[in-house]
Amino acid sequence: MTALLPPESWHAHYYQQAQWTYNLRRYLFERAGLAEARRVLEVGCGTGVILSELTMLTRGLAFGADISQDNLLLAMRIIPGATLANADAQALPFPSGAFDFSLCHFLLLWVGDPLRAVCEMARVTRPGGAVLALAEPDYGGRIDFPEALAPLGQRQADALRLQGADPLAGRKLAGLFHRAGLVSVESGVLGGQWSEPPSDEDWELEWQALAADLGPSADLDRLRALDQSAWQSGERVLFVPTFYAWGCVPSG
């Protein structure tokens, strides 16, 4: 992810993302049997938002791996005593079959070879264990309304491509899991619901991340004001299809 914001700011954004997928995680963790896992690995653990949750939900040990040393230093402060590794998702430094359960959250769109990353997660997970991708967005299906805000989606997709990310990662997720040799693959899309505007804090966090992606722009302030007005009037619709997938490592 872009390094234009300090880890502390990204931690707040990661926490916000985790709130979006809270109910989905509970469903997937139960389906995949997390409570019985003895060793769990989060790949791309960032600053430790979900890893801290894993330490409370599993009876065993939770491990985290991330390519950013800055993220890991913050995670060490947030989860004292956590077992962390500075590692690339495409070359995990763990023996085959070391974990009962491996997962990632908003990671694969940032990986140069996402198939290799999923294969690595499968490799370090024991036969019969579960591999989960909890959330991968697909900006090709983004909906912005009112229409004056439609350029935001395309501009963010273009900005992500320039950073080396894949804005269409979500739609490719199920295929990656099948190609990695996982079985009993289940995939889907996180639903969208709108009842009231986001809090001022959540809205500001979203715009911080968006501005970091898009960089300086002559009309960004105009779009920001339009976005705020649309939320306040109750007509704002923002939906980015966010896919999930999980599957099992074949036994034997």
Protein backbone atom coordinates (compact mmCIF):
# COMPACT_ATOMS: atom_id res chain seq x y z
CA MET A 1 0.00 0.00 0.00
CA THR A 2 1.17 3.56 -0.64
CA ALA A 3 3.58 4.85 2.01
CA LEU A 4 2.40 8.47 1.84
CA LEU A 5 0.71 8.13 5.22
CA PRO A 6 2.51 7.05 8.43
CA PRO A 7 1.76 3.62 9.94
CA GLU A 8 -0.36 5.21 12.68
CA SER A 9 -2.71 6.69 10.07
CA TRP A 10 -2.88 3.42 8.18
CA HIS A 11 -3.64 1.62 11.45
CA ALA A 12 -6.81 3.70 11.80
CA HIS A 13 -7.70 2.88 8.19
CA TYR A 14 -7.02 -0.85 8.71
CA TYR A 15 -9.25 -0.74 11.79
CA GLN A 16 -12.00 0.87 9.72
CA GLN A 17 -11.66 -1.83 7.03
CA ALA A 18 -11.90 -4.49 9.74
CA GLN A 19 -15.24 -3.03 10.87
CA TRP A 20 -16.60 -3.40 7.33
CA THR A 21 -15.88 -7.14 7.32
CA TYR A 22 -16.65 -7.95 10.96
CA ASN A 23 -19.82 -9.99 10.35
CA LEU A 24 -18.29 -11.75 7.35
CA ARG A 25 -15.26 -12.78 9.41
CA ARG A 26 -17.46 -14.27 12.09
CA TYR A 27 -19.29 -16.33 9.46
CA LEU A 28 -16.10 -17.49 7.72
CA PHE A 29 -14.22 -18.24 10.92
CA GLU A 30 -17.06 -20.46 12.10
CA ARG A 31 -17.42 -22.19 8.73
CA ALA A 32 -13.68 -22.87 8.53
CA GLY A 33 -13.32 -23.99 12.15
CA LEU A 34 -10.99 -21.32 13.50
CA ALA A 35 -11.88 -22.06 17.13
CA GLU A 36 -10.21 -25.48 16.86
CA ALA A 37 -7.02 -24.23 15.22
CA ARG A 38 -3.78 -24.52 17.16
CA ARG A 39 -1.60 -22.43 14.84
CA VAL A 40 -2.98 -19.59 12.70
CA LEU A 41 -1.13 -17.32 10.27
CA GLU A 42 -2.25 -13.93 8.97
CA VAL A 43 -0.33 -12.98 5.83
CA GLY A 44 -0.10 -9.22 5.34
CA CYS A 45 -1.00 -8.59 8.97
CA GLY A 46 -0.26 -4.86 8.71
CA THR A 47 -0.35 -3.16 12.09
CA GLY A 48 -2.07 -6.10 13.78
CA VAL A 49 -5.75 -5.16 13.75
CA ILE A 50 -7.08 -8.59 12.80
CA LEU A 51 -4.15 -10.44 14.32
CA SER A 52 -5.12 -9.06 17.74
CA GLU A 53 -8.60 -10.46 17.17
CA LEU A 54 -7.17 -13.85 16.23
CA THR A 55 -5.26 -14.07 19.50
CA MET A 56 -8.60 -13.90 21.32
CA LEU A 57 -10.60 -16.19 19.01
CA THR A 58 -8.27 -19.16 18.81
CA ARG A 59 -7.04 -21.45 21.57
CA GLY A 60 -3.66 -21.74 19.93
CA LEU A 61 -0.94 -19.44 18.63
CA ALA A 62 -1.49 -16.63 16.13
CA PHE A 63 1.37 -15.61 13.83
CA GLY A 64 1.63 -12.56 11.60
CA ALA A 65 3.73 -11.82 8.52
CA ASP A 66 4.09 -8.51 6.70
CA ILE A 67 6.51 -7.04 4.18
CA SER A 68 6.58 -3.65 5.95
CA GLN A 69 8.95 -3.37 8.89
CA ASP A 70 7.21 -0.14 9.97
CA ASN A 71 3.87 -1.95 10.16
CA LEU A 72 5.40 -4.73 12.22
CA LEU A 73 7.02 -2.33 14.67
CA LEU A 74 3.60 -0.82 15.35
CA ALA A 75 2.01 -4.29 15.57
CA MET A 76 4.59 -5.23 18.23
CA ARG A 77 3.41 -2.32 20.36
CA ILE A 78 -0.27 -3.15 19.84
CA ILE A 79 0.13 -6.91 20.48
CA PRO A 80 3.00 -7.37 22.96
CA GLY A 81 4.60 -10.77 22.59
CA ALA A 82 3.11 -11.41 19.15
CA THR A 83 5.01 -13.78 16.87
CA LEU A 84 5.77 -11.70 13.78
CA ALA A 85 7.87 -12.17 10.66
CA ASN A 86 9.09 -9.59 8.14
CA ALA A 87 8.25 -11.53 5.00
CA ASP A 88 6.95 -11.37 1.45
CA ALA A 89 3.62 -13.15 0.91
CA GLN A 90 5.13 -14.72 -2.22
CA ALA A 91 7.92 -16.46 -0.25
CA LEU A 92 6.76 -17.25 3.27
CA PRO A 93 9.56 -18.28 5.67
CA PHE A 94 7.63 -21.16 7.24
CA PRO A 95 7.82 -24.93 6.69
CA SER A 96 5.12 -26.70 4.74
CA GLY A 97 2.06 -27.65 6.75
CA ALA A 98 3.05 -25.47 9.72
CA PHE A 99 -0.42 -23.96 10.27
CA ASP A 100 -3.98 -25.17 10.63
CA PHE A 101 -5.39 -21.98 9.19
CA SER A 102 -3.96 -19.15 7.05
CA LEU A 103 -5.69 -15.96 5.97
CA CYS A 104 -5.29 -12.52 4.46
CA HIS A 105 -7.39 -9.35 4.42
CA PHE A 106 -7.19 -6.70 1.66
CA LEU A 107 -3.80 -8.09 0.60
CA LEU A 108 -3.81 -9.87 -2.75
CA LEU A 109 -4.57 -6.77 -4.84
CA TRP A 110 -1.16 -5.45 -3.69
CA VAL A 111 0.83 -8.60 -4.48
CA GLY A 112 2.75 -8.83 -7.75
CA ASP A 113 1.89 -12.52 -8.18
CA PRO A 114 -1.29 -13.23 -6.20
CA LEU A 115 -1.46 -16.85 -7.38
CA ARG A 116 1.97 -17.46 -5.92
CA ALA A 117 0.84 -15.86 -2.65
CA VAL A 118 -2.23 -18.11 -2.44
CA CYS A 119 -0.05 -21.13 -3.27
CA GLU A 120 2.32 -20.13 -0.47
CA MET A 121 -0.58 -19.84 1.97
CA ALA A 122 -1.73 -23.29 0.88
CA ARG A 123 1.80 -24.71 1.21
CA VAL A 124 2.25 -23.58 4.82
CA THR A 125 -1.23 -24.85 5.77
CA ARG A 126 -1.57 -28.51 6.72
CA PRO A 127 -3.64 -30.96 4.65
CA GLY A 128 -7.27 -30.49 5.61
CA GLY A 129 -6.58 -26.99 6.91
CA ALA A 130 -8.26 -23.83 5.64
CA VAL A 131 -7.03 -20.89 3.57
CA LEU A 132 -9.06 -17.67 3.57
CA ALA A 133 -8.99 -14.40 1.67
CA LEU A 134 -11.35 -12.31 3.75
CA ALA A 135 -11.66 -9.26 1.50
CA GLU A 136 -10.45 -8.27 -1.97
CA PRO A 137 -12.08 -5.23 -3.62
CA ASP A 138 -13.09 -4.90 -7.26
CA TYR A 139 -13.06 -1.27 -8.38
CA GLY A 140 -14.29 -2.25 -11.84
CA GLY A 141 -17.73 -2.71 -10.29
CA ARG A 142 -17.65 0.42 -8.14
CA ILE A 143 -20.90 2.42 -7.99
CA ASP A 144 -20.84 6.13 -7.18
CA PHE A 145 -23.99 8.24 -7.00
CA PRO A 146 -24.76 11.10 -7.59
CA GLU A 147 -23.21 10.80 -11.03
CA ALA A 148 -21.01 13.85 -10.48
CA LEU A 149 -18.94 11.60 -8.18
CA ALA A 150 -18.52 8.82 -10.77
CA PRO A 151 -14.99 9.97 -11.76
CA LEU A 152 -13.74 9.04 -8.28
CA GLY A 153 -13.96 5.32 -9.00
CA GLN A 154 -12.04 5.41 -12.27
CA ARG A 155 -9.42 7.74 -10.88
CA GLN A 156 -8.85 5.51 -7.86
CA ALA A 157 -8.55 2.43 -10.10
CA ASP A 158 -6.00 4.24 -12.27
CA ALA A 159 -4.07 5.37 -9.19
CA LEU A 160 -3.96 1.84 -7.82
CA ARG A 161 -2.59 0.52 -11.10
CA LEU A 162 0.18 3.12 -11.00
CA GLN A 163 1.10 1.83 -7.53
CA GLY A 164 1.33 -1.72 -8.87
CA ALA A 165 -2.00 -2.90 -7.44
CA ASP A 166 -4.76 -4.75 -9.30
CA PRO A 167 -8.08 -2.87 -8.94
CA LEU A 168 -9.92 -5.90 -10.39
CA ALA A 169 -8.51 -8.38 -7.87
CA GLY A 170 -11.88 -9.28 -6.38
CA ARG A 171 -13.39 -10.94 -9.44
CA LYS A 172 -10.27 -13.11 -9.85
CA LEU A 173 -10.26 -14.48 -6.32
CA ALA A 174 -12.23 -17.72 -6.76
CA GLY A 175 -10.15 -18.62 -9.80
CA LEU A 176 -6.93 -18.11 -7.85
CA PHE A 177 -8.09 -20.49 -5.14
CA HIS A 178 -8.99 -23.19 -7.66
CA ARG A 179 -5.70 -22.74 -9.54
CA ALA A 180 -3.79 -23.03 -6.27
CA GLY A 181 -5.26 -26.51 -5.87
CA LEU A 182 -7.59 -25.74 -2.97
CA VAL A 183 -10.79 -27.78 -2.69
CA SER A 184 -14.33 -27.10 -1.43
CA VAL A 185 -13.83 -23.47 -2.46
CA GLU A 186 -16.56 -21.05 -1.42
CA SER A 187 -16.59 -17.45 -2.64
CA GLY A 188 -18.94 -14.50 -2.58
CA VAL A 189 -19.38 -10.74 -2.33
CA LEU A 190 -19.83 -8.65 0.79
CA GLY A 191 -23.21 -6.90 0.61
CA GLY A 192 -23.84 -3.17 0.79
CA GLN A 193 -26.21 -1.45 3.19
CA TRP A 194 -26.84 2.24 3.80
CA SER A 195 -28.79 3.52 6.79
CA GLU A 196 -27.08 6.73 7.85
CA PRO A 197 -23.99 8.74 6.87
CA PRO A 198 -20.59 7.62 8.15
CA SER A 199 -19.28 9.40 11.21
CA ASP A 200 -17.13 12.45 10.61
CA GLU A 201 -14.10 10.43 11.73
CA ASP A 202 -14.80 7.52 9.37
CA TRP A 203 -15.49 9.88 6.47
CA GLU A 204 -12.23 11.75 7.10
CA LEU A 205 -10.28 8.48 7.24
CA GLU A 206 -11.69 7.42 3.89
CA TRP A 207 -10.72 10.72 2.32
CA GLN A 208 -7.23 10.56 3.78
CA ALA A 209 -6.70 7.19 2.12
CA LEU A 210 -8.29 8.37 -1.13
CA ALA A 211 -6.15 11.51 -1.24
CA ALA A 212 -3.05 9.41 -0.58
CA ASP A 213 -3.95 7.20 -3.56
CA LEU A 214 -4.89 10.01 -5.95
CA GLY A 215 -2.23 12.56 -5.05
CA PRO A 216 -2.58 16.31 -5.70
CA SER A 217 -5.50 17.19 -7.96
CA ALA A 218 -7.10 20.45 -9.00
CA ASP A 219 -10.64 19.20 -8.47
CA LEU A 220 -10.18 16.86 -5.51
CA ASP A 221 -11.48 19.49 -3.08
CA ARG A 222 -14.57 19.93 -5.27
CA LEU A 223 -15.26 16.18 -5.29
CA ARG A 224 -14.68 16.00 -1.55
CA ALA A 225 -17.27 18.76 -0.98
CA LEU A 226 -19.74 17.01 -3.31
CA ASP A 227 -19.23 13.76 -1.45
CA GLN A 228 -19.84 15.37 1.92
CA SER A 229 -22.97 17.13 0.66
CA ALA A 230 -24.37 13.92 -0.86
CA TRP A 231 -23.91 12.02 2.42
CA GLN A 232 -25.61 14.81 4.34
CA SER A 233 -28.56 14.89 1.95
CA GLY A 234 -28.98 11.11 2.13
CA GLU A 235 -28.51 10.46 -1.60
CA ARG A 236 -24.95 9.17 -1.53
CA VAL A 237 -24.38 5.61 -2.75
CA LEU A 238 -20.88 4.18 -2.65
CA PHE A 239 -20.42 0.49 -3.30
CA VAL A 240 -17.17 -1.30 -4.08
CA PRO A 241 -17.80 -5.03 -4.60
CA THR A 242 -15.60 -6.81 -2.07
CA PHE A 243 -15.05 -10.52 -2.65
CA TYR A 244 -14.08 -13.27 -0.25
CA ALA A 245 -13.01 -16.88 -0.76
CA TRP A 246 -12.01 -19.80 1.35
CA GLY A 247 -11.01 -23.37 0.64
CA CYS A 248 -9.24 -26.37 2.09
CA VAL A 249 -5.84 -27.88 1.43
CA PRO A 250 -6.41 -31.37 -0.03
CA SER A 251 -5.88 -34.27 2.35
CA GLY A 252 -3.59 -36.90 0.92
